[in-house]
Amino acid sequence: MAADASAKFHPPDLHLSLPPAAAHDGLFFHQFMAAGSVAGVVEHTAMFPVDTLKTLIQTHSLPCRSPLSIPQAIRSLPSLLSLYRGLSAMALGAAPAHAVYFSVYELSKKHLSQHNPNPVLAPLVHASSGVLATISSDAVLTPMDTVKQRLQLRDSPYGGVLNCVGRVLREEGLGALFRSYRTTVLMNAPFTAVHFAAYEAAKRALTEVSEEIADDGRLVAHATAGAAAGALAAAVTTPLDVVKTQLQCQGVCGCTRFSSSSIGEVFKVIVKRDGYSGLLRGWMPRMLFHAPAAAICWSTYEASKSFFKDLNDRNMGSSNTREG
């Protein structure tokens, strides 16, 4: 009996009471998800009015309409509060989508880096991780993004999120909420590849310029790198964003209805109707959105990660002190 009692208190069993090792970068999987959710909601809430202006410009595309400028888009609204129509839909979609986005990115980066330790391949690892992240998160975000853009229209016929979802399901079917998913992925895959690769490269460049300025604990480095990456990625992918917006808002408030969700068909219709310049509508508010949005998103995400890492370190230290 004595032997049995002592076995219960064998030192290896004490290790079981310690917190498990963090999955990556000192964080657990659920903490990456929480940090991503916070970053996504903060980013989209802060920049939502600019996103509304982009939607108005990209859907103002009937042959009898001339392209809207940003001041004209603002003046076309009945009130400044109209800039926030659809915000609740975006909040409902952004939180889970960004949780998926950043957790998949971090896990993919960890996995791919183990198989490709060569630092020369780092940009490819970051870009590939970003593509995997966006494919996963877009499946979550696309339905609410469709609802959000329909609510953003100047003369939107919908009374709110639930009214919009209900009417779309009754009148167009579930597929209408996912009609732009393929286009969204084809847009966001290169967007995210450019974004993540540029972000990591910018952070690395800042580190080489000044270790103090680019310290991981300093938000200015993340904000600067994020803004540069966001602006570059937004400029490259504007034509596909125009196609996505046209697909999501088709048939509403005079927007063109397409016979299929073919990206090629939508491209042809836009070029025939508006010329090639039609594919660049909204490029300015899109860049004005993504540069500060990326800065806000990355700095919030990295700050949240630092908070969780410090929390984990304190918990681990407390556990070690108690066990000691």
C-alpha atoms as a PDB file:
ATOM      1  CA  MET A   1       0.000   0.000   0.000  1.00  0.00           C
ATOM      2  CA  ALA A   2       2.851   2.341   0.836  1.00  0.00           C
ATOM      3  CA  ALA A   3       4.418   1.685  -2.523  1.00  0.00           C
ATOM      4  CA  ASP A   4       1.093   2.421  -4.232  1.00  0.00           C
ATOM      5  CA  ALA A   5       0.702   5.683  -2.323  1.00  0.00           C
ATOM      6  CA  SER A   6       4.165   6.907  -3.230  1.00  0.00           C
ATOM      7  CA  ALA A   7       3.606   6.067  -6.867  1.00  0.00           C
ATOM      8  CA  LYS A   8       0.687   8.462  -6.961  1.00  0.00           C
ATOM      9  CA  PHE A   9       3.045  11.306  -6.142  1.00  0.00           C
ATOM     10  CA  HIS A  10       5.785  10.404  -8.582  1.00  0.00           C
ATOM     11  CA  PRO A  11       7.358  13.642  -9.975  1.00  0.00           C
ATOM     12  CA  PRO A  12       6.299  13.058 -13.612  1.00  0.00           C
ATOM     13  CA  ASP A  13       2.653  13.229 -12.490  1.00  0.00           C
ATOM     14  CA  LEU A  14       3.285  16.729 -11.150  1.00  0.00           C
ATOM     15  CA  HIS A  15       3.994  17.838 -14.724  1.00  0.00           C
ATOM     16  CA  LEU A  16       0.409  17.057 -15.678  1.00  0.00           C
ATOM     17  CA  SER A  17      -0.837  19.923 -13.535  1.00  0.00           C
ATOM     18  CA  LEU A  18       1.173  22.487 -15.518  1.00  0.00           C
ATOM     19  CA  PRO A  19      -0.431  24.371 -18.393  1.00  0.00           C
ATOM     20  CA  PRO A  20       0.164  22.668 -21.745  1.00  0.00           C
ATOM     21  CA  ALA A  21       2.759  24.187 -24.042  1.00  0.00           C
ATOM     22  CA  ALA A  22       1.437  26.919 -26.294  1.00  0.00           C
ATOM     23  CA  ALA A  23       0.866  25.918 -29.891  1.00  0.00           C
ATOM     24  CA  HIS A  24       2.875  28.652 -31.648  1.00  0.00           C
ATOM     25  CA  ASP A  25       4.483  32.005 -30.757  1.00  0.00           C
ATOM     26  CA  GLY A  26       3.560  31.414 -27.107  1.00  0.00           C
ATOM     27  CA  LEU A  27      -0.182  31.345 -27.844  1.00  0.00           C
ATOM     28  CA  PHE A  28      -2.866  28.690 -27.943  1.00  0.00           C
ATOM     29  CA  PHE A  29      -5.150  28.119 -30.923  1.00  0.00           C
ATOM     30  CA  HIS A  30      -8.188  29.734 -29.289  1.00  0.00           C
ATOM     31  CA  GLN A  31      -6.094  32.824 -28.469  1.00  0.00           C
ATOM     32  CA  PHE A  32      -5.167  33.302 -32.126  1.00  0.00           C
ATOM     33  CA  MET A  33      -8.881  33.120 -32.896  1.00  0.00           C
ATOM     34  CA  ALA A  34      -9.738  35.661 -30.194  1.00  0.00           C
ATOM     35  CA  ALA A  35      -6.994  38.052 -31.317  1.00  0.00           C
ATOM     36  CA  GLY A  36      -8.163  37.747 -34.926  1.00  0.00           C
ATOM     37  CA  SER A  37     -11.793  38.412 -33.980  1.00  0.00           C
ATOM     38  CA  VAL A  38     -10.892  41.561 -32.070  1.00  0.00           C
ATOM     39  CA  ALA A  39      -8.692  42.787 -34.929  1.00  0.00           C
ATOM     40  CA  GLY A  40     -11.385  42.154 -37.554  1.00  0.00           C
ATOM     41  CA  VAL A  41     -14.176  43.927 -35.672  1.00  0.00           C
ATOM     42  CA  VAL A  42     -11.992  46.942 -34.816  1.00  0.00           C
ATOM     43  CA  GLU A  43     -10.715  47.225 -38.393  1.00  0.00           C
ATOM     44  CA  HIS A  44     -14.097  47.056 -40.130  1.00  0.00           C
ATOM     45  CA  THR A  45     -15.892  49.256 -37.609  1.00  0.00           C
ATOM     46  CA  ALA A  46     -13.285  51.998 -37.854  1.00  0.00           C
ATOM     47  CA  MET A  47     -13.200  51.998 -41.665  1.00  0.00           C
ATOM     48  CA  PHE A  48     -16.819  51.144 -42.447  1.00  0.00           C
ATOM     49  CA  PRO A  49     -17.827  54.590 -43.843  1.00  0.00           C
ATOM     50  CA  VAL A  50     -15.052  54.375 -46.454  1.00  0.00           C
ATOM     51  CA  ASP A  51     -16.216  50.879 -47.395  1.00  0.00           C
ATOM     52  CA  THR A  52     -19.753  52.235 -47.905  1.00  0.00           C
ATOM     53  CA  LEU A  53     -18.439  54.932 -50.269  1.00  0.00           C
ATOM     54  CA  LYS A  54     -16.558  52.274 -52.248  1.00  0.00           C
ATOM     55  CA  THR A  55     -19.716  50.204 -52.628  1.00  0.00           C
ATOM     56  CA  LEU A  56     -21.722  53.231 -53.797  1.00  0.00           C
ATOM     57  CA  ILE A  57     -19.094  54.124 -56.409  1.00  0.00           C
ATOM     58  CA  GLN A  58     -18.771  50.571 -57.702  1.00  0.00           C
ATOM     59  CA  THR A  59     -22.540  50.057 -58.057  1.00  0.00           C
ATOM     60  CA  HIS A  60     -23.223  53.445 -59.661  1.00  0.00           C
ATOM     61  CA  SER A  61     -22.833  51.873 -63.083  1.00  0.00           C
ATOM     62  CA  LEU A  62     -25.925  52.235 -65.251  1.00  0.00           C
ATOM     63  CA  PRO A  63     -25.194  53.584 -68.749  1.00  0.00           C
ATOM     64  CA  CYS A  64     -27.032  56.814 -67.911  1.00  0.00           C
ATOM     65  CA  ARG A  65     -24.872  57.427 -64.847  1.00  0.00           C
ATOM     66  CA  SER A  66     -21.443  58.999 -64.835  1.00  0.00           C
ATOM     67  CA  PRO A  67     -18.854  57.683 -62.369  1.00  0.00           C
ATOM     68  CA  LEU A  68     -19.212  59.048 -58.854  1.00  0.00           C
ATOM     69  CA  SER A  69     -16.393  60.845 -57.085  1.00  0.00           C
ATOM     70  CA  ILE A  70     -15.956  60.449 -53.329  1.00  0.00           C
ATOM     71  CA  PRO A  71     -17.542  63.887 -52.555  1.00  0.00           C
ATOM     72  CA  GLN A  72     -20.471  63.077 -54.882  1.00  0.00           C
ATOM     73  CA  ALA A  73     -20.957  59.719 -53.173  1.00  0.00           C
ATOM     74  CA  ILE A  74     -21.119  61.449 -49.799  1.00  0.00           C
ATOM     75  CA  ARG A  75     -23.600  64.043 -51.054  1.00  0.00           C
ATOM     76  CA  SER A  76     -25.806  61.312 -52.550  1.00  0.00           C
ATOM     77  CA  LEU A  77     -26.562  59.929 -49.090  1.00  0.00           C
ATOM     78  CA  PRO A  78     -29.640  61.139 -47.191  1.00  0.00           C
ATOM     79  CA  SER A  79     -27.576  61.520 -44.003  1.00  0.00           C
ATOM     80  CA  LEU A  80     -24.129  60.746 -42.643  1.00  0.00           C
ATOM     81  CA  LEU A  81     -25.645  57.915 -40.603  1.00  0.00           C
ATOM     82  CA  SER A  82     -26.254  56.159 -43.932  1.00  0.00           C
ATOM     83  CA  LEU A  83     -22.507  55.558 -44.057  1.00  0.00           C
ATOM     84  CA  TYR A  84     -23.047  52.944 -41.332  1.00  0.00           C
ATOM     85  CA  ARG A  85     -25.900  50.972 -42.908  1.00  0.00           C
ATOM     86  CA  GLY A  86     -24.898  47.314 -42.891  1.00  0.00           C
ATOM     87  CA  LEU A  87     -22.398  47.665 -40.037  1.00  0.00           C
ATOM     88  CA  SER A  88     -24.179  45.022 -37.954  1.00  0.00           C
ATOM     89  CA  ALA A  89     -23.956  42.540 -40.831  1.00  0.00           C
ATOM     90  CA  MET A  90     -20.236  43.143 -41.153  1.00  0.00           C
ATOM     91  CA  ALA A  91     -19.711  42.749 -37.399  1.00  0.00           C
ATOM     92  CA  LEU A  92     -21.573  39.418 -37.446  1.00  0.00           C
ATOM     93  CA  GLY A  93     -19.378  38.176 -40.289  1.00  0.00           C
ATOM     94  CA  ALA A  94     -16.044  39.810 -39.442  1.00  0.00           C
ATOM     95  CA  ALA A  95     -15.589  38.336 -35.967  1.00  0.00           C
ATOM     96  CA  PRO A  96     -15.776  34.626 -36.904  1.00  0.00           C
ATOM     97  CA  ALA A  97     -14.171  35.177 -40.317  1.00  0.00           C
ATOM     98  CA  HIS A  98     -11.112  36.909 -38.872  1.00  0.00           C
ATOM     99  CA  ALA A  99     -10.877  34.303 -36.127  1.00  0.00           C
ATOM    100  CA  VAL A 100     -10.596  31.666 -38.856  1.00  0.00           C
ATOM    101  CA  TYR A 101      -8.364  33.892 -40.982  1.00  0.00           C
ATOM    102  CA  PHE A 102      -5.603  34.528 -38.437  1.00  0.00           C
ATOM    103  CA  SER A 103      -5.676  31.106 -36.786  1.00  0.00           C
ATOM    104  CA  VAL A 104      -5.339  29.335 -40.153  1.00  0.00           C
ATOM    105  CA  TYR A 105      -2.576  31.774 -41.127  1.00  0.00           C
ATOM    106  CA  GLU A 106      -0.569  31.164 -37.964  1.00  0.00           C
ATOM    107  CA  LEU A 107      -0.970  27.389 -38.073  1.00  0.00           C
ATOM    108  CA  SER A 108      -0.118  27.261 -41.788  1.00  0.00           C
ATOM    109  CA  LYS A 109       2.920  29.472 -41.267  1.00  0.00           C
ATOM    110  CA  LYS A 110       4.123  27.228 -38.439  1.00  0.00           C
ATOM    111  CA  HIS A 111       3.589  24.036 -40.449  1.00  0.00           C
ATOM    112  CA  LEU A 112       5.111  25.334 -43.705  1.00  0.00           C
ATOM    113  CA  SER A 113       8.075  26.934 -41.936  1.00  0.00           C
ATOM    114  CA  GLN A 114       9.012  23.602 -40.387  1.00  0.00           C
ATOM    115  CA  HIS A 115       9.199  22.035 -43.827  1.00  0.00           C
ATOM    116  CA  ASN A 116      10.890  25.076 -45.386  1.00  0.00           C
ATOM    117  CA  PRO A 117      13.425  26.428 -42.867  1.00  0.00           C
ATOM    118  CA  ASN A 118      15.324  28.289 -45.593  1.00  0.00           C
ATOM    119  CA  PRO A 119      14.768  32.055 -44.945  1.00  0.00           C
ATOM    120  CA  VAL A 120      14.867  32.675 -48.704  1.00  0.00           C
ATOM    121  CA  LEU A 121      11.558  30.804 -48.948  1.00  0.00           C
ATOM    122  CA  ALA A 122       9.943  32.874 -46.172  1.00  0.00           C
ATOM    123  CA  PRO A 123       7.928  35.134 -48.548  1.00  0.00           C
ATOM    124  CA  LEU A 124       6.519  32.035 -50.272  1.00  0.00           C
ATOM    125  CA  VAL A 125       5.579  30.532 -46.899  1.00  0.00           C
ATOM    126  CA  HIS A 126       3.839  33.752 -45.816  1.00  0.00           C
ATOM    127  CA  ALA A 127       2.015  34.103 -49.131  1.00  0.00           C
ATOM    128  CA  SER A 128       0.898  30.455 -49.134  1.00  0.00           C
ATOM    129  CA  SER A 129      -0.294  30.714 -45.545  1.00  0.00           C
ATOM    130  CA  GLY A 130      -2.257  33.823 -46.449  1.00  0.00           C
ATOM    131  CA  VAL A 131      -3.970  32.091 -49.378  1.00  0.00           C
ATOM    132  CA  LEU A 132      -5.020  29.147 -47.197  1.00  0.00           C
ATOM    133  CA  ALA A 133      -6.315  31.609 -44.605  1.00  0.00           C
ATOM    134  CA  THR A 134      -8.431  33.556 -47.064  1.00  0.00           C
ATOM    135  CA  ILE A 135     -10.007  30.463 -48.665  1.00  0.00           C
ATOM    136  CA  SER A 136     -11.166  29.393 -45.203  1.00  0.00           C
ATOM    137  CA  SER A 137     -12.324  32.784 -43.934  1.00  0.00           C
ATOM    138  CA  ASP A 138     -14.139  33.800 -47.138  1.00  0.00           C
ATOM    139  CA  ALA A 139     -16.468  30.830 -46.755  1.00  0.00           C
ATOM    140  CA  VAL A 140     -17.539  32.352 -43.429  1.00  0.00           C
ATOM    141  CA  LEU A 141     -17.628  36.022 -44.470  1.00  0.00           C
ATOM    142  CA  THR A 142     -19.174  35.941 -47.968  1.00  0.00           C
ATOM    143  CA  PRO A 143     -22.869  35.610 -46.918  1.00  0.00           C
ATOM    144  CA  MET A 144     -22.675  38.533 -44.481  1.00  0.00           C
ATOM    145  CA  ASP A 145     -20.607  40.567 -46.939  1.00  0.00           C
ATOM    146  CA  THR A 146     -23.398  40.133 -49.492  1.00  0.00           C
ATOM    147  CA  VAL A 147     -25.962  41.323 -46.942  1.00  0.00           C
ATOM    148  CA  LYS A 148     -23.711  44.214 -45.921  1.00  0.00           C
ATOM    149  CA  GLN A 149     -23.272  45.495 -49.469  1.00  0.00           C
ATOM    150  CA  ARG A 150     -26.978  45.308 -50.248  1.00  0.00           C
ATOM    151  CA  LEU A 151     -27.715  47.330 -47.127  1.00  0.00           C
ATOM    152  CA  GLN A 152     -25.079  49.900 -48.110  1.00  0.00           C
ATOM    153  CA  LEU A 153     -26.873  50.816 -51.353  1.00  0.00           C
ATOM    154  CA  ARG A 154     -28.368  54.312 -51.333  1.00  0.00           C
ATOM    155  CA  ASP A 155     -31.968  53.187 -51.939  1.00  0.00           C
ATOM    156  CA  SER A 156     -31.634  49.777 -50.314  1.00  0.00           C
ATOM    157  CA  PRO A 157     -35.046  48.072 -50.120  1.00  0.00           C
ATOM    158  CA  TYR A 158     -34.095  46.058 -47.034  1.00  0.00           C
ATOM    159  CA  GLY A 159     -35.079  46.940 -43.487  1.00  0.00           C
ATOM    160  CA  GLY A 160     -32.065  45.379 -41.790  1.00  0.00           C
ATOM    161  CA  VAL A 161     -29.929  42.261 -41.583  1.00  0.00           C
ATOM    162  CA  LEU A 162     -32.710  39.792 -40.787  1.00  0.00           C
ATOM    163  CA  ASN A 163     -35.046  41.328 -43.352  1.00  0.00           C
ATOM    164  CA  CYS A 164     -32.351  41.165 -46.023  1.00  0.00           C
ATOM    165  CA  VAL A 165     -31.402  37.562 -45.251  1.00  0.00           C
ATOM    166  CA  GLY A 166     -35.043  36.482 -45.198  1.00  0.00           C
ATOM    167  CA  ARG A 167     -35.915  38.168 -48.482  1.00  0.00           C
ATOM    168  CA  VAL A 168     -32.813  36.890 -50.274  1.00  0.00           C
ATOM    169  CA  LEU A 169     -33.530  33.312 -49.132  1.00  0.00           C
ATOM    170  CA  ARG A 170     -37.195  33.551 -50.197  1.00  0.00           C
ATOM    171  CA  GLU A 171     -36.702  35.381 -53.483  1.00  0.00           C
ATOM    172  CA  GLU A 172     -33.297  34.145 -54.691  1.00  0.00           C
ATOM    173  CA  GLY A 173     -32.375  31.094 -52.655  1.00  0.00           C
ATOM    174  CA  LEU A 174     -29.401  30.258 -50.428  1.00  0.00           C
ATOM    175  CA  GLY A 175     -27.031  30.290 -53.399  1.00  0.00           C
ATOM    176  CA  ALA A 176     -27.456  34.069 -53.737  1.00  0.00           C
ATOM    177  CA  LEU A 177     -25.580  34.581 -50.469  1.00  0.00           C
ATOM    178  CA  PHE A 178     -22.606  32.614 -51.836  1.00  0.00           C
ATOM    179  CA  ARG A 179     -22.822  33.771 -55.457  1.00  0.00           C
ATOM    180  CA  SER A 180     -19.647  35.817 -55.192  1.00  0.00           C
ATOM    181  CA  TYR A 181     -17.602  33.268 -53.205  1.00  0.00           C
ATOM    182  CA  ARG A 182     -15.533  32.103 -56.171  1.00  0.00           C
ATOM    183  CA  THR A 183     -14.838  35.691 -57.227  1.00  0.00           C
ATOM    184  CA  THR A 184     -14.052  36.653 -53.636  1.00  0.00           C
ATOM    185  CA  VAL A 185     -11.516  33.841 -53.299  1.00  0.00           C
ATOM    186  CA  LEU A 186      -9.945  34.646 -56.665  1.00  0.00           C
ATOM    187  CA  MET A 187      -9.671  38.277 -55.545  1.00  0.00           C
ATOM    188  CA  ASN A 188      -8.546  37.663 -51.981  1.00  0.00           C
ATOM    189  CA  ALA A 189      -6.057  34.906 -52.786  1.00  0.00           C
ATOM    190  CA  PRO A 190      -3.687  37.281 -54.650  1.00  0.00           C
ATOM    191  CA  PHE A 191      -4.702  40.119 -52.307  1.00  0.00           C
ATOM    192  CA  THR A 192      -3.734  38.074 -49.258  1.00  0.00           C
ATOM    193  CA  ALA A 193      -0.603  36.646 -50.873  1.00  0.00           C
ATOM    194  CA  VAL A 194       0.632  40.155 -51.693  1.00  0.00           C
ATOM    195  CA  HIS A 195      -0.582  41.498 -48.344  1.00  0.00           C
ATOM    196  CA  PHE A 196       1.082  38.940 -46.081  1.00  0.00           C
ATOM    197  CA  ALA A 197       4.302  38.744 -48.087  1.00  0.00           C
ATOM    198  CA  ALA A 198       4.558  42.555 -48.170  1.00  0.00           C
ATOM    199  CA  TYR A 199       3.702  42.828 -44.472  1.00  0.00           C
ATOM    200  CA  GLU A 200       6.352  40.350 -43.365  1.00  0.00           C
ATOM    201  CA  ALA A 201       8.912  41.903 -45.756  1.00  0.00           C
ATOM    202  CA  ALA A 202       8.141  45.408 -44.480  1.00  0.00           C
ATOM    203  CA  LYS A 203       8.504  44.256 -40.873  1.00  0.00           C
ATOM    204  CA  ARG A 204      11.835  42.649 -41.742  1.00  0.00           C
ATOM    205  CA  ALA A 205      13.002  45.814 -43.529  1.00  0.00           C
ATOM    206  CA  LEU A 206      12.050  47.959 -40.535  1.00  0.00           C
ATOM    207  CA  THR A 207      14.009  45.605 -38.292  1.00  0.00           C
ATOM    208  CA  GLU A 208      17.098  46.026 -40.467  1.00  0.00           C
ATOM    209  CA  VAL A 209      16.759  49.813 -40.388  1.00  0.00           C
ATOM    210  CA  SER A 210      16.305  50.026 -36.631  1.00  0.00           C
ATOM    211  CA  GLU A 211      15.920  47.243 -34.097  1.00  0.00           C
ATOM    212  CA  GLU A 212      14.412  49.728 -31.626  1.00  0.00           C
ATOM    213  CA  ILE A 213      11.754  51.102 -34.001  1.00  0.00           C
ATOM    214  CA  ALA A 214      10.768  47.695 -35.341  1.00  0.00           C
ATOM    215  CA  ASP A 215      10.685  45.900 -32.015  1.00  0.00           C
ATOM    216  CA  ASP A 216       7.812  43.400 -32.040  1.00  0.00           C
ATOM    217  CA  GLY A 217       6.330  45.119 -29.017  1.00  0.00           C
ATOM    218  CA  ARG A 218       6.058  48.470 -30.834  1.00  0.00           C
ATOM    219  CA  LEU A 219       2.789  48.938 -32.698  1.00  0.00           C
ATOM    220  CA  VAL A 220       4.239  51.542 -35.055  1.00  0.00           C
ATOM    221  CA  ALA A 221       6.147  48.827 -36.916  1.00  0.00           C
ATOM    222  CA  HIS A 222       3.045  46.686 -37.378  1.00  0.00           C
ATOM    223  CA  ALA A 223       0.932  49.681 -38.378  1.00  0.00           C
ATOM    224  CA  THR A 224       3.480  50.925 -40.936  1.00  0.00           C
ATOM    225  CA  ALA A 225       4.061  47.503 -42.452  1.00  0.00           C
ATOM    226  CA  GLY A 226       0.339  46.771 -42.491  1.00  0.00           C
ATOM    227  CA  ALA A 227      -0.561  50.053 -44.204  1.00  0.00           C
ATOM    228  CA  ALA A 228       2.014  49.546 -46.957  1.00  0.00           C
ATOM    229  CA  ALA A 229       0.901  45.956 -47.522  1.00  0.00           C
ATOM    230  CA  GLY A 230      -2.793  46.855 -47.540  1.00  0.00           C
ATOM    231  CA  ALA A 231      -2.432  49.687 -50.057  1.00  0.00           C
ATOM    232  CA  LEU A 232      -0.368  47.575 -52.455  1.00  0.00           C
ATOM    233  CA  ALA A 233      -2.701  44.574 -52.288  1.00  0.00           C
ATOM    234  CA  ALA A 234      -5.790  46.774 -52.736  1.00  0.00           C
ATOM    235  CA  ALA A 235      -4.410  48.421 -55.867  1.00  0.00           C
ATOM    236  CA  VAL A 236      -3.604  45.075 -57.502  1.00  0.00           C
ATOM    237  CA  THR A 237      -7.011  43.482 -56.926  1.00  0.00           C
ATOM    238  CA  THR A 238      -9.495  46.333 -57.560  1.00  0.00           C
ATOM    239  CA  PRO A 239     -10.939  44.872 -60.835  1.00  0.00           C
ATOM    240  CA  LEU A 240     -11.957  41.657 -59.086  1.00  0.00           C
ATOM    241  CA  ASP A 241     -13.440  43.663 -56.235  1.00  0.00           C
ATOM    242  CA  VAL A 242     -15.635  45.511 -58.751  1.00  0.00           C
ATOM    243  CA  VAL A 243     -16.808  42.152 -60.140  1.00  0.00           C
ATOM    244  CA  LYS A 244     -17.536  40.868 -56.616  1.00  0.00           C
ATOM    245  CA  THR A 245     -19.595  43.949 -55.737  1.00  0.00           C
ATOM    246  CA  GLN A 246     -21.580  43.749 -58.986  1.00  0.00           C
ATOM    247  CA  LEU A 247     -22.375  40.060 -58.345  1.00  0.00           C
ATOM    248  CA  GLN A 248     -23.464  40.656 -54.756  1.00  0.00           C
ATOM    249  CA  CYS A 249     -25.700  43.619 -55.562  1.00  0.00           C
ATOM    250  CA  GLN A 250     -27.102  42.474 -58.904  1.00  0.00           C
ATOM    251  CA  GLY A 251     -30.758  43.195 -59.477  1.00  0.00           C
ATOM    252  CA  VAL A 252     -30.972  45.569 -56.485  1.00  0.00           C
ATOM    253  CA  CYS A 253     -31.491  49.339 -56.889  1.00  0.00           C
ATOM    254  CA  GLY A 254     -31.006  49.184 -60.658  1.00  0.00           C
ATOM    255  CA  CYS A 255     -27.783  47.153 -60.602  1.00  0.00           C
ATOM    256  CA  THR A 256     -27.276  44.888 -63.608  1.00  0.00           C
ATOM    257  CA  ARG A 257     -28.480  41.289 -63.243  1.00  0.00           C
ATOM    258  CA  PHE A 258     -26.182  38.663 -64.775  1.00  0.00           C
ATOM    259  CA  SER A 259     -27.214  35.371 -66.337  1.00  0.00           C
ATOM    260  CA  SER A 260     -24.528  33.497 -64.394  1.00  0.00           C
ATOM    261  CA  SER A 261     -21.820  33.986 -61.783  1.00  0.00           C
ATOM    262  CA  SER A 262     -19.100  33.660 -64.407  1.00  0.00           C
ATOM    263  CA  ILE A 263     -16.301  36.123 -63.735  1.00  0.00           C
ATOM    264  CA  GLY A 264     -15.587  36.317 -67.460  1.00  0.00           C
ATOM    265  CA  GLU A 265     -19.171  37.303 -68.248  1.00  0.00           C
ATOM    266  CA  VAL A 266     -19.217  40.019 -65.591  1.00  0.00           C
ATOM    267  CA  PHE A 267     -15.898  41.373 -66.879  1.00  0.00           C
ATOM    268  CA  LYS A 268     -17.305  41.568 -70.410  1.00  0.00           C
ATOM    269  CA  VAL A 269     -20.510  43.297 -69.292  1.00  0.00           C
ATOM    270  CA  ILE A 270     -18.598  45.897 -67.257  1.00  0.00           C
ATOM    271  CA  VAL A 271     -16.119  46.614 -70.060  1.00  0.00           C
ATOM    272  CA  LYS A 272     -18.910  46.867 -72.663  1.00  0.00           C
ATOM    273  CA  ARG A 273     -20.986  49.136 -70.436  1.00  0.00           C
ATOM    274  CA  ASP A 274     -18.321  51.299 -68.764  1.00  0.00           C
ATOM    275  CA  GLY A 275     -15.108  50.644 -70.666  1.00  0.00           C
ATOM    276  CA  TYR A 276     -11.954  49.304 -69.043  1.00  0.00           C
ATOM    277  CA  SER A 277     -12.026  52.197 -66.587  1.00  0.00           C
ATOM    278  CA  GLY A 278     -15.154  50.592 -65.120  1.00  0.00           C
ATOM    279  CA  LEU A 279     -12.970  47.828 -63.702  1.00  0.00           C
ATOM    280  CA  LEU A 280     -11.105  50.414 -61.642  1.00  0.00           C
ATOM    281  CA  ARG A 281     -14.131  52.117 -60.108  1.00  0.00           C
ATOM    282  CA  GLY A 282     -13.656  52.620 -56.412  1.00  0.00           C
ATOM    283  CA  TRP A 283      -9.881  52.147 -56.485  1.00  0.00           C
ATOM    284  CA  MET A 284      -9.265  55.292 -54.456  1.00  0.00           C
ATOM    285  CA  PRO A 285     -11.662  54.568 -51.572  1.00  0.00           C
ATOM    286  CA  ARG A 286     -10.526  50.925 -51.712  1.00  0.00           C
ATOM    287  CA  MET A 287      -6.917  51.993 -51.123  1.00  0.00           C
ATOM    288  CA  LEU A 288      -8.056  54.594 -48.585  1.00  0.00           C
ATOM    289  CA  PHE A 289      -9.863  51.747 -46.827  1.00  0.00           C
ATOM    290  CA  HIS A 290      -7.208  49.042 -46.921  1.00  0.00           C
ATOM    291  CA  ALA A 291      -4.117  51.070 -45.990  1.00  0.00           C
ATOM    292  CA  PRO A 292      -5.399  52.313 -42.610  1.00  0.00           C
ATOM    293  CA  ALA A 293      -7.579  49.209 -42.154  1.00  0.00           C
ATOM    294  CA  ALA A 294      -4.554  46.941 -42.485  1.00  0.00           C
ATOM    295  CA  ALA A 295      -2.587  49.164 -40.118  1.00  0.00           C
ATOM    296  CA  ILE A 296      -5.424  49.022 -37.576  1.00  0.00           C
ATOM    297  CA  CYS A 297      -5.962  45.292 -38.063  1.00  0.00           C
ATOM    298  CA  TRP A 298      -2.313  44.243 -37.765  1.00  0.00           C
ATOM    299  CA  SER A 299      -1.512  46.525 -34.822  1.00  0.00           C
ATOM    300  CA  THR A 300      -4.659  45.370 -32.983  1.00  0.00           C
ATOM    301  CA  TYR A 301      -3.883  41.737 -33.774  1.00  0.00           C
ATOM    302  CA  GLU A 302      -0.261  41.995 -32.611  1.00  0.00           C
ATOM    303  CA  ALA A 303      -1.322  43.896 -29.471  1.00  0.00           C
ATOM    304  CA  SER A 304      -3.870  41.183 -28.689  1.00  0.00           C
ATOM    305  CA  LYS A 305      -1.228  38.509 -29.251  1.00  0.00           C
ATOM    306  CA  SER A 306       1.151  40.315 -26.871  1.00  0.00           C
ATOM    307  CA  PHE A 307      -1.597  40.510 -24.250  1.00  0.00           C
ATOM    308  CA  PHE A 308      -2.316  36.778 -24.476  1.00  0.00           C
ATOM    309  CA  LYS A 309       1.382  35.890 -24.503  1.00  0.00           C
ATOM    310  CA  ASP A 310       2.027  37.930 -21.356  1.00  0.00           C
ATOM    311  CA  LEU A 311      -1.020  36.300 -19.775  1.00  0.00           C
ATOM    312  CA  ASN A 312       0.288  32.831 -20.627  1.00  0.00           C
ATOM    313  CA  ASP A 313       3.752  33.688 -19.300  1.00  0.00           C
ATOM    314  CA  ARG A 314       2.277  34.928 -16.005  1.00  0.00           C
ATOM    315  CA  ASN A 315       0.105  31.826 -15.664  1.00  0.00           C
ATOM    316  CA  MET A 316       3.064  29.568 -16.394  1.00  0.00           C
ATOM    317  CA  GLY A 317       5.210  31.464 -13.908  1.00  0.00           C
ATOM    318  CA  SER A 318       2.540  31.200 -11.210  1.00  0.00           C
ATOM    319  CA  SER A 319       2.182  27.460 -11.835  1.00  0.00           C
ATOM    320  CA  ASN A 320       5.936  26.915 -11.643  1.00  0.00           C
ATOM    321  CA  THR A 321       6.103  28.917  -8.415  1.00  0.00           C
ATOM    322  CA  ARG A 322       3.313  26.863  -6.811  1.00  0.00           C
ATOM    323  CA  GLU A 323       4.866  23.575  -7.925  1.00  0.00           C
ATOM    324  CA  GLY A 324       8.314  24.685  -6.750  1.00  0.00           C
END
